[in-house]
Amino acid sequence: MRLFYALFPPLAVQQNLAQIQERLRPYRGWRPVQPRQMHITLLFLGEQPEDRLPELHRAGKEVAARVPAFEVTLGGTGYFPAAGPPRVWFVKASGAGLEPLASGLRQALGVEEDSFHPHLTLARKKGPAPRVGPVVVNLHFTARAVCLVESKLEPAGAKYRVLEEFPLNGSGYG
C-alpha cells in the first residue's frame, strides 16, 4: 500500500483553487490536480505492508490529538524545483499546526528528519512546460483532521482514498 498523511481543504477552498488552475489553459504540458484530490502532505510513507496499518492508525490518532485545530493560510504560488524546468506548480501553505503535525508523525513512526515544505500541489508537468506567472492566493481554512491516505498510481494519475481521519484536539470533528 502506498500511503501518506495529509490535510484536505474544504470544498469551497478546492473550488477557489480550481479557478486559479484556469490560468493553465494557455499553457501546454501542465496537468492540473483534480480539486477533490488537493491536499497538504504531512508525511509521505511510500509503500507499506498492510500489517503496519494498526501502527499507522495509532500514530495518526495520537499525534492529531496533541495538536489543536488551527487556521491554514494558502499564499503565493511557486515551483519545484526552484530553478530550472519546473515539474510541480504549488501554492504555499502556512499554519501553526503544520510543523507540529509533520514532525510529530515523523517522530512517532521513527522516520528520519526531513525538510518539510508545506504546500498544496496545483499541477504537475507532463513534458516541457513554461512557468505560469506568479499568483497571489489568500485563502484560509480551519484544519480539523489529519487523514491517512492510500495512493494508487494509475495511467491517468494517482487516485486517493482516505483510509481514516484523525480529529485534531478540540476540533469538534469526527
N, C-alpha and C. Protein backbone atom coordinates (compact mmCIF):
# COMPACT_ATOMS: atom_id res chain seq x y z
N MET A 1 0.84 -1.18 0.00
CA MET A 1 0.00 0.00 0.00
C MET A 1 0.89 1.24 0.00
N ARG A 2 0.60 2.16 -0.91
CA ARG A 2 1.33 3.43 -1.00
C ARG A 2 0.55 4.44 -0.17
N LEU A 3 1.17 4.95 0.93
CA LEU A 3 0.43 5.73 1.91
C LEU A 3 1.08 7.07 2.22
N PHE A 4 0.24 8.00 2.70
CA PHE A 4 0.75 9.27 3.22
C PHE A 4 -0.29 9.85 4.17
N TYR A 5 0.16 10.80 5.02
CA TYR A 5 -0.72 11.57 5.90
C TYR A 5 -0.90 12.94 5.27
N ALA A 6 -2.12 13.48 5.35
CA ALA A 6 -2.38 14.77 4.70
C ALA A 6 -3.51 15.52 5.37
N LEU A 7 -3.59 16.80 5.04
CA LEU A 7 -4.73 17.66 5.37
C LEU A 7 -5.42 17.98 4.05
N PHE A 8 -6.74 17.87 4.03
CA PHE A 8 -7.52 18.21 2.85
C PHE A 8 -8.29 19.50 3.12
N PRO A 9 -8.22 20.46 2.20
CA PRO A 9 -9.02 21.69 2.38
C PRO A 9 -10.49 21.41 2.12
N PRO A 10 -11.37 22.23 2.65
CA PRO A 10 -12.81 22.05 2.39
C PRO A 10 -13.15 22.35 0.92
N LEU A 11 -14.33 21.93 0.53
CA LEU A 11 -14.80 22.06 -0.84
C LEU A 11 -14.70 23.49 -1.37
N ALA A 12 -15.08 24.48 -0.57
CA ALA A 12 -15.05 25.88 -1.03
C ALA A 12 -13.62 26.29 -1.41
N VAL A 13 -12.64 25.86 -0.64
CA VAL A 13 -11.24 26.19 -0.95
C VAL A 13 -10.81 25.45 -2.21
N GLN A 14 -11.20 24.19 -2.34
CA GLN A 14 -10.87 23.43 -3.55
C GLN A 14 -11.43 24.13 -4.78
N GLN A 15 -12.65 24.64 -4.69
CA GLN A 15 -13.27 25.32 -5.83
C GLN A 15 -12.53 26.62 -6.17
N ASN A 16 -12.10 27.36 -5.16
CA ASN A 16 -11.32 28.57 -5.40
C ASN A 16 -9.99 28.24 -6.07
N LEU A 17 -9.35 27.17 -5.64
CA LEU A 17 -8.08 26.76 -6.24
C LEU A 17 -8.28 26.28 -7.68
N ALA A 18 -9.41 25.64 -7.94
CA ALA A 18 -9.71 25.21 -9.31
C ALA A 18 -9.81 26.43 -10.24
N GLN A 19 -10.33 27.54 -9.73
CA GLN A 19 -10.39 28.76 -10.54
C GLN A 19 -8.98 29.28 -10.86
N ILE A 20 -8.08 29.16 -9.89
CA ILE A 20 -6.70 29.58 -10.11
C ILE A 20 -6.04 28.69 -11.17
N GLN A 21 -6.39 27.42 -11.17
CA GLN A 21 -5.83 26.49 -12.16
C GLN A 21 -6.23 26.87 -13.58
N GLU A 22 -7.28 27.65 -13.74
CA GLU A 22 -7.70 28.09 -15.08
C GLU A 22 -6.57 28.84 -15.79
N ARG A 23 -5.64 29.40 -15.03
CA ARG A 23 -4.51 30.10 -15.64
C ARG A 23 -3.64 29.15 -16.46
N LEU A 24 -3.81 27.84 -16.27
CA LEU A 24 -3.02 26.86 -17.01
C LEU A 24 -3.51 26.66 -18.44
N ARG A 25 -4.74 27.03 -18.71
CA ARG A 25 -5.34 26.76 -20.03
C ARG A 25 -4.43 27.13 -21.20
N PRO A 26 -3.81 28.32 -21.21
CA PRO A 26 -2.99 28.67 -22.37
C PRO A 26 -1.65 27.91 -22.44
N TYR A 27 -1.31 27.19 -21.38
CA TYR A 27 -0.01 26.53 -21.32
C TYR A 27 -0.14 25.03 -21.53
N ARG A 28 0.55 24.51 -22.52
CA ARG A 28 0.55 23.06 -22.74
C ARG A 28 1.59 22.43 -21.82
N GLY A 29 1.36 21.19 -21.47
CA GLY A 29 2.33 20.45 -20.68
C GLY A 29 2.01 20.35 -19.20
N TRP A 30 1.04 21.14 -18.72
CA TRP A 30 0.68 21.07 -17.30
C TRP A 30 -0.56 20.20 -17.13
N ARG A 31 -0.55 19.34 -16.12
CA ARG A 31 -1.71 18.51 -15.79
C ARG A 31 -2.23 18.95 -14.42
N PRO A 32 -3.38 19.64 -14.37
CA PRO A 32 -3.92 20.12 -13.08
C PRO A 32 -4.31 18.95 -12.17
N VAL A 33 -4.14 19.16 -10.89
CA VAL A 33 -4.60 18.20 -9.88
C VAL A 33 -6.12 18.35 -9.78
N GLN A 34 -6.82 17.24 -9.71
CA GLN A 34 -8.27 17.30 -9.53
C GLN A 34 -8.57 17.98 -8.19
N PRO A 35 -9.49 18.94 -8.15
CA PRO A 35 -9.74 19.67 -6.90
C PRO A 35 -10.01 18.78 -5.69
N ARG A 36 -10.76 17.70 -5.85
CA ARG A 36 -11.07 16.83 -4.71
C ARG A 36 -9.85 16.08 -4.19
N GLN A 37 -8.76 16.09 -4.96
CA GLN A 37 -7.53 15.41 -4.53
C GLN A 37 -6.49 16.38 -3.98
N MET A 38 -6.79 17.67 -3.96
CA MET A 38 -5.84 18.66 -3.44
C MET A 38 -5.65 18.45 -1.95
N HIS A 39 -4.39 18.48 -1.53
CA HIS A 39 -4.07 18.24 -0.12
C HIS A 39 -2.70 18.81 0.22
N ILE A 40 -2.43 18.89 1.51
CA ILE A 40 -1.11 19.25 2.02
C ILE A 40 -0.53 17.97 2.62
N THR A 41 0.54 17.47 2.03
CA THR A 41 1.16 16.25 2.54
C THR A 41 1.95 16.58 3.81
N LEU A 42 1.65 15.85 4.87
CA LEU A 42 2.37 16.00 6.14
C LEU A 42 3.53 15.03 6.22
N LEU A 43 3.32 13.81 5.72
CA LEU A 43 4.37 12.79 5.72
C LEU A 43 4.04 11.75 4.66
N PHE A 44 4.96 11.59 3.70
CA PHE A 44 4.80 10.57 2.67
C PHE A 44 5.50 9.31 3.17
N LEU A 45 4.79 8.20 3.19
CA LEU A 45 5.33 6.95 3.71
C LEU A 45 5.79 5.99 2.62
N GLY A 46 5.27 6.16 1.41
CA GLY A 46 5.62 5.24 0.33
C GLY A 46 4.94 3.90 0.54
N GLU A 47 5.52 2.87 -0.07
CA GLU A 47 4.95 1.52 0.03
C GLU A 47 5.08 0.99 1.46
N GLN A 48 3.96 0.53 2.00
CA GLN A 48 3.91 0.00 3.36
C GLN A 48 3.14 -1.32 3.35
N PRO A 49 3.58 -2.29 4.16
CA PRO A 49 2.80 -3.53 4.26
C PRO A 49 1.48 -3.27 4.98
N GLU A 50 0.45 -3.98 4.58
CA GLU A 50 -0.88 -3.79 5.17
C GLU A 50 -0.87 -4.06 6.68
N ASP A 51 0.00 -4.95 7.14
CA ASP A 51 0.02 -5.26 8.57
C ASP A 51 0.60 -4.12 9.41
N ARG A 52 1.07 -3.06 8.77
CA ARG A 52 1.56 -1.89 9.50
C ARG A 52 0.43 -0.89 9.78
N LEU A 53 -0.75 -1.11 9.20
CA LEU A 53 -1.86 -0.17 9.38
C LEU A 53 -2.20 0.12 10.84
N PRO A 54 -2.26 -0.87 11.74
CA PRO A 54 -2.57 -0.53 13.14
C PRO A 54 -1.59 0.48 13.75
N GLU A 55 -0.30 0.33 13.45
CA GLU A 55 0.71 1.27 13.96
C GLU A 55 0.49 2.66 13.34
N LEU A 56 0.16 2.72 12.06
CA LEU A 56 -0.06 4.00 11.39
C LEU A 56 -1.33 4.68 11.89
N HIS A 57 -2.35 3.89 12.20
CA HIS A 57 -3.59 4.45 12.77
C HIS A 57 -3.30 5.01 14.17
N ARG A 58 -2.58 4.25 14.98
CA ARG A 58 -2.25 4.69 16.33
C ARG A 58 -1.46 5.99 16.29
N ALA A 59 -0.44 6.06 15.44
CA ALA A 59 0.39 7.26 15.35
C ALA A 59 -0.44 8.46 14.91
N GLY A 60 -1.27 8.28 13.90
CA GLY A 60 -2.11 9.38 13.42
C GLY A 60 -3.04 9.89 14.49
N LYS A 61 -3.66 8.96 15.20
CA LYS A 61 -4.61 9.33 16.26
C LYS A 61 -3.91 10.07 17.39
N GLU A 62 -2.76 9.56 17.84
CA GLU A 62 -2.04 10.17 18.97
C GLU A 62 -1.50 11.55 18.61
N VAL A 63 -0.90 11.69 17.45
CA VAL A 63 -0.32 12.98 17.06
C VAL A 63 -1.43 14.01 16.84
N ALA A 64 -2.50 13.64 16.16
CA ALA A 64 -3.61 14.57 15.92
C ALA A 64 -4.22 15.04 17.23
N ALA A 65 -4.32 14.15 18.21
CA ALA A 65 -4.93 14.50 19.50
C ALA A 65 -4.10 15.53 20.27
N ARG A 66 -2.82 15.66 19.95
CA ARG A 66 -1.95 16.62 20.66
C ARG A 66 -1.96 18.01 20.03
N VAL A 67 -2.45 18.12 18.79
CA VAL A 67 -2.38 19.40 18.08
C VAL A 67 -3.79 19.98 17.98
N PRO A 68 -4.00 21.20 18.48
CA PRO A 68 -5.32 21.82 18.37
C PRO A 68 -5.66 22.17 16.91
N ALA A 69 -6.95 22.23 16.61
CA ALA A 69 -7.39 22.71 15.30
C ALA A 69 -6.75 24.08 15.07
N PHE A 70 -6.40 24.40 13.83
CA PHE A 70 -5.70 25.65 13.54
C PHE A 70 -6.06 26.14 12.15
N GLU A 71 -5.79 27.41 11.93
CA GLU A 71 -6.06 28.01 10.63
C GLU A 71 -4.88 27.80 9.69
N VAL A 72 -5.19 27.37 8.48
CA VAL A 72 -4.20 27.22 7.41
C VAL A 72 -4.40 28.38 6.44
N THR A 73 -3.30 29.00 6.05
CA THR A 73 -3.33 30.06 5.06
C THR A 73 -2.62 29.56 3.81
N LEU A 74 -3.27 29.73 2.68
CA LEU A 74 -2.65 29.42 1.39
C LEU A 74 -2.23 30.73 0.77
N GLY A 75 -0.93 30.86 0.48
CA GLY A 75 -0.37 32.12 -0.01
C GLY A 75 -0.04 32.07 -1.48
N GLY A 76 1.13 32.60 -1.86
CA GLY A 76 1.52 32.68 -3.26
C GLY A 76 1.95 31.35 -3.85
N THR A 77 2.08 31.33 -5.16
CA THR A 77 2.47 30.11 -5.86
C THR A 77 3.98 30.03 -6.03
N GLY A 78 4.45 28.82 -6.27
CA GLY A 78 5.87 28.57 -6.51
C GLY A 78 6.04 27.29 -7.31
N TYR A 79 7.30 26.89 -7.49
CA TYR A 79 7.62 25.72 -8.30
C TYR A 79 8.63 24.82 -7.61
N PHE A 80 8.54 23.55 -7.91
CA PHE A 80 9.60 22.58 -7.60
C PHE A 80 10.09 22.05 -8.93
N PRO A 81 11.37 21.98 -9.16
CA PRO A 81 12.41 22.61 -8.36
C PRO A 81 12.38 24.13 -8.53
N ALA A 82 13.04 24.81 -7.61
CA ALA A 82 13.02 26.28 -7.62
C ALA A 82 13.73 26.85 -8.84
N ALA A 83 14.76 26.15 -9.34
CA ALA A 83 15.50 26.61 -10.51
C ALA A 83 15.39 25.54 -11.60
N GLY A 84 15.53 25.97 -12.82
CA GLY A 84 15.46 25.04 -13.94
C GLY A 84 14.03 24.76 -14.35
N PRO A 85 13.85 23.78 -15.22
CA PRO A 85 12.49 23.47 -15.70
C PRO A 85 11.58 23.01 -14.55
N PRO A 86 10.41 23.62 -14.42
CA PRO A 86 9.51 23.24 -13.32
C PRO A 86 8.87 21.89 -13.56
N ARG A 87 8.60 21.17 -12.48
CA ARG A 87 7.88 19.90 -12.54
C ARG A 87 6.56 19.97 -11.77
N VAL A 88 6.52 20.87 -10.76
CA VAL A 88 5.32 21.00 -9.91
C VAL A 88 5.03 22.48 -9.72
N TRP A 89 3.75 22.86 -9.88
CA TRP A 89 3.28 24.21 -9.57
C TRP A 89 2.45 24.08 -8.31
N PHE A 90 2.78 24.85 -7.28
CA PHE A 90 2.12 24.70 -5.99
C PHE A 90 1.76 26.04 -5.39
N VAL A 91 0.92 25.98 -4.35
CA VAL A 91 0.61 27.16 -3.54
C VAL A 91 1.18 26.89 -2.15
N LYS A 92 1.84 27.89 -1.60
CA LYS A 92 2.47 27.76 -0.29
C LYS A 92 1.42 27.70 0.82
N ALA A 93 1.68 26.88 1.82
CA ALA A 93 0.76 26.73 2.95
C ALA A 93 1.49 27.09 4.24
N SER A 94 0.77 27.74 5.14
CA SER A 94 1.33 28.05 6.45
C SER A 94 0.23 27.89 7.50
N GLY A 95 0.64 27.62 8.71
CA GLY A 95 -0.29 27.46 9.82
C GLY A 95 0.46 26.92 11.02
N ALA A 96 0.04 27.33 12.21
CA ALA A 96 0.74 26.98 13.44
C ALA A 96 0.86 25.48 13.67
N GLY A 97 -0.08 24.69 13.18
CA GLY A 97 -0.05 23.26 13.46
C GLY A 97 0.63 22.41 12.41
N LEU A 98 1.03 22.98 11.28
CA LEU A 98 1.61 22.16 10.22
C LEU A 98 2.90 21.47 10.65
N GLU A 99 3.85 22.24 11.15
CA GLU A 99 5.13 21.65 11.57
C GLU A 99 4.96 20.68 12.73
N PRO A 100 4.17 21.02 13.79
CA PRO A 100 3.98 20.04 14.87
C PRO A 100 3.37 18.72 14.37
N LEU A 101 2.45 18.79 13.43
CA LEU A 101 1.87 17.55 12.89
C LEU A 101 2.92 16.76 12.11
N ALA A 102 3.63 17.43 11.21
CA ALA A 102 4.61 16.74 10.38
C ALA A 102 5.73 16.14 11.23
N SER A 103 6.29 16.93 12.15
CA SER A 103 7.39 16.41 12.97
C SER A 103 6.89 15.37 13.96
N GLY A 104 5.66 15.54 14.48
CA GLY A 104 5.09 14.56 15.40
C GLY A 104 4.91 13.21 14.73
N LEU A 105 4.45 13.21 13.49
CA LEU A 105 4.28 11.95 12.75
C LEU A 105 5.63 11.31 12.47
N ARG A 106 6.61 12.12 12.07
CA ARG A 106 7.96 11.56 11.82
C ARG A 106 8.51 10.92 13.09
N GLN A 107 8.37 11.60 14.22
CA GLN A 107 8.89 11.07 15.48
C GLN A 107 8.14 9.82 15.91
N ALA A 108 6.82 9.84 15.81
CA ALA A 108 6.01 8.70 16.24
C ALA A 108 6.33 7.44 15.44
N LEU A 109 6.74 7.62 14.19
CA LEU A 109 7.00 6.47 13.32
C LEU A 109 8.48 6.21 13.12
N GLY A 110 9.33 6.99 13.79
CA GLY A 110 10.77 6.76 13.68
C GLY A 110 11.32 7.07 12.29
N VAL A 111 10.69 8.03 11.61
CA VAL A 111 11.16 8.43 10.28
C VAL A 111 12.25 9.48 10.47
N GLU A 112 13.35 9.33 9.73
CA GLU A 112 14.44 10.30 9.84
C GLU A 112 13.94 11.69 9.53
N GLU A 113 14.51 12.67 10.21
CA GLU A 113 14.14 14.06 9.96
C GLU A 113 14.33 14.38 8.49
N ASP A 114 13.41 15.09 7.96
CA ASP A 114 13.44 15.50 6.56
C ASP A 114 12.90 16.92 6.52
N SER A 115 13.36 17.70 5.56
CA SER A 115 12.85 19.06 5.48
C SER A 115 11.38 19.01 5.05
N PHE A 116 10.58 19.84 5.69
CA PHE A 116 9.15 19.89 5.43
C PHE A 116 8.85 21.23 4.77
N HIS A 117 8.26 21.17 3.58
CA HIS A 117 7.89 22.37 2.83
C HIS A 117 6.39 22.33 2.60
N PRO A 118 5.60 22.90 3.53
CA PRO A 118 4.15 22.80 3.40
C PRO A 118 3.64 23.50 2.14
N HIS A 119 2.95 22.74 1.33
CA HIS A 119 2.42 23.26 0.08
C HIS A 119 1.25 22.39 -0.38
N LEU A 120 0.52 22.91 -1.32
CA LEU A 120 -0.58 22.19 -1.94
C LEU A 120 -0.32 22.23 -3.45
N THR A 121 -0.17 21.07 -4.07
CA THR A 121 0.14 20.99 -5.49
C THR A 121 -1.08 21.35 -6.33
N LEU A 122 -0.88 22.28 -7.27
CA LEU A 122 -1.93 22.69 -8.19
C LEU A 122 -1.85 21.93 -9.51
N ALA A 123 -0.61 21.65 -9.97
CA ALA A 123 -0.44 20.97 -11.25
C ALA A 123 0.94 20.33 -11.30
N ARG A 124 1.04 19.33 -12.15
CA ARG A 124 2.31 18.66 -12.40
C ARG A 124 2.64 18.78 -13.88
N LYS A 125 3.90 18.80 -14.16
CA LYS A 125 4.38 18.93 -15.52
C LYS A 125 4.27 17.59 -16.24
N LYS A 126 3.77 17.65 -17.43
CA LYS A 126 3.71 16.48 -18.29
C LYS A 126 4.46 16.87 -19.56
N GLY A 127 5.75 16.63 -19.57
CA GLY A 127 6.58 17.09 -20.68
C GLY A 127 7.01 18.52 -20.47
N PRO A 128 7.64 19.14 -21.46
CA PRO A 128 8.10 20.52 -21.31
C PRO A 128 6.91 21.45 -21.06
N ALA A 129 7.10 22.35 -20.12
CA ALA A 129 6.02 23.30 -19.80
C ALA A 129 6.62 24.60 -19.30
N PRO A 130 6.07 25.71 -19.74
CA PRO A 130 6.57 27.00 -19.25
C PRO A 130 6.06 27.28 -17.84
N ARG A 131 6.70 28.23 -17.20
CA ARG A 131 6.24 28.67 -15.88
C ARG A 131 5.02 29.54 -16.04
N VAL A 132 4.05 29.30 -15.18
CA VAL A 132 2.85 30.14 -15.13
C VAL A 132 3.23 31.34 -14.29
N GLY A 133 2.73 32.51 -14.64
CA GLY A 133 3.06 33.70 -13.86
C GLY A 133 2.71 33.52 -12.39
N PRO A 134 3.38 34.22 -11.48
CA PRO A 134 3.08 34.09 -10.06
C PRO A 134 1.64 34.52 -9.76
N VAL A 135 1.05 33.82 -8.82
CA VAL A 135 -0.33 34.11 -8.42
C VAL A 135 -0.33 34.34 -6.92
N VAL A 136 -0.96 35.40 -6.48
CA VAL A 136 -1.12 35.64 -5.06
C VAL A 136 -2.45 35.03 -4.63
N VAL A 137 -2.37 34.12 -3.70
CA VAL A 137 -3.56 33.44 -3.19
C VAL A 137 -3.75 33.88 -1.75
N ASN A 138 -4.96 34.14 -1.36
CA ASN A 138 -5.23 34.50 0.03
C ASN A 138 -6.46 33.72 0.47
N LEU A 139 -6.25 32.44 0.71
CA LEU A 139 -7.33 31.55 1.14
C LEU A 139 -7.01 31.02 2.52
N HIS A 140 -8.05 30.79 3.31
CA HIS A 140 -7.87 30.29 4.68
C HIS A 140 -8.89 29.18 4.92
N PHE A 141 -8.48 28.23 5.74
CA PHE A 141 -9.42 27.21 6.21
C PHE A 141 -8.94 26.69 7.55
N THR A 142 -9.86 26.11 8.30
CA THR A 142 -9.50 25.53 9.59
C THR A 142 -9.20 24.06 9.40
N ALA A 143 -7.98 23.66 9.78
CA ALA A 143 -7.59 22.25 9.73
C ALA A 143 -8.24 21.58 10.94
N ARG A 144 -9.02 20.55 10.70
CA ARG A 144 -9.74 19.86 11.76
C ARG A 144 -9.37 18.39 11.91
N ALA A 145 -8.72 17.82 10.88
CA ALA A 145 -8.39 16.40 10.94
C ALA A 145 -7.20 16.09 10.04
N VAL A 146 -6.42 15.11 10.47
CA VAL A 146 -5.34 14.54 9.67
C VAL A 146 -5.91 13.29 9.03
N CYS A 147 -5.57 13.05 7.79
CA CYS A 147 -6.06 11.86 7.08
C CYS A 147 -4.90 10.93 6.75
N LEU A 148 -5.13 9.63 6.90
CA LEU A 148 -4.22 8.61 6.39
C LEU A 148 -4.80 8.22 5.03
N VAL A 149 -3.99 8.36 3.98
CA VAL A 149 -4.47 8.24 2.61
C VAL A 149 -3.70 7.17 1.86
N GLU A 150 -4.44 6.38 1.09
CA GLU A 150 -3.82 5.42 0.18
C GLU A 150 -3.78 6.06 -1.20
N SER A 151 -2.66 5.93 -1.87
CA SER A 151 -2.48 6.47 -3.21
C SER A 151 -2.26 5.31 -4.17
N LYS A 152 -3.12 5.20 -5.17
CA LYS A 152 -2.97 4.17 -6.20
C LYS A 152 -2.57 4.85 -7.49
N LEU A 153 -1.44 4.43 -8.03
CA LEU A 153 -0.96 5.01 -9.28
C LEU A 153 -1.66 4.33 -10.45
N GLU A 154 -2.28 5.15 -11.28
CA GLU A 154 -2.99 4.67 -12.46
C GLU A 154 -2.49 5.45 -13.67
N PRO A 155 -2.74 4.94 -14.88
CA PRO A 155 -2.25 5.66 -16.08
C PRO A 155 -2.72 7.12 -16.15
N ALA A 156 -3.92 7.41 -15.68
CA ALA A 156 -4.44 8.78 -15.71
C ALA A 156 -3.92 9.63 -14.55
N GLY A 157 -3.16 9.05 -13.64
CA GLY A 157 -2.65 9.77 -12.48
C GLY A 157 -3.01 9.06 -11.19
N ALA A 158 -2.52 9.57 -10.08
CA ALA A 158 -2.78 8.95 -8.77
C ALA A 158 -4.24 9.15 -8.36
N LYS A 159 -4.80 8.15 -7.74
CA LYS A 159 -6.14 8.22 -7.16
C LYS A 159 -5.98 8.01 -5.66
N TYR A 160 -6.64 8.88 -4.88
CA TYR A 160 -6.50 8.84 -3.43
C TYR A 160 -7.76 8.29 -2.78
N ARG A 161 -7.53 7.54 -1.69
CA ARG A 161 -8.63 7.02 -0.88
C ARG A 161 -8.27 7.25 0.58
N VAL A 162 -9.11 8.00 1.28
CA VAL A 162 -8.87 8.26 2.70
C VAL A 162 -9.22 7.00 3.47
N LEU A 163 -8.23 6.46 4.19
CA LEU A 163 -8.44 5.26 4.99
C LEU A 163 -9.01 5.59 6.35
N GLU A 164 -8.55 6.71 6.92
CA GLU A 164 -9.05 7.12 8.23
C GLU A 164 -8.78 8.60 8.45
N GLU A 165 -9.66 9.26 9.20
CA GLU A 165 -9.49 10.64 9.59
C GLU A 165 -9.27 10.69 11.10
N PHE A 166 -8.28 11.46 11.51
CA PHE A 166 -7.94 11.61 12.92
C PHE A 166 -8.23 13.05 13.33
N PRO A 167 -9.25 13.28 14.16
CA PRO A 167 -9.62 14.65 14.55
C PRO A 167 -8.49 15.33 15.33
N LEU A 168 -8.28 16.61 15.05
CA LEU A 168 -7.35 17.39 15.84
C LEU A 168 -7.98 17.70 17.18
N ASN A 169 -7.17 18.00 18.16
CA ASN A 169 -7.60 18.28 19.51
C ASN A 169 -8.60 19.45 19.52
N GLY A 170 -9.76 19.22 20.10
CA GLY A 170 -10.76 20.27 20.26
C GLY A 170 -11.41 20.71 18.96
N SER A 171 -11.28 19.92 17.90
CA SER A 171 -11.81 20.35 16.60
C SER A 171 -13.33 20.17 16.51
N GLY A 172 -13.89 19.34 17.39
CA GLY A 172 -15.31 19.04 17.28
C GLY A 172 -15.63 18.23 16.04
N TYR A 173 -14.58 17.65 15.44
CA TYR A 173 -14.72 16.91 14.19
C TYR A 173 -14.73 15.43 14.51
N GLY A 174 -15.47 14.69 13.74
CA GLY A 174 -15.43 13.23 13.86
C GLY A 174 -16.49 12.69 14.63
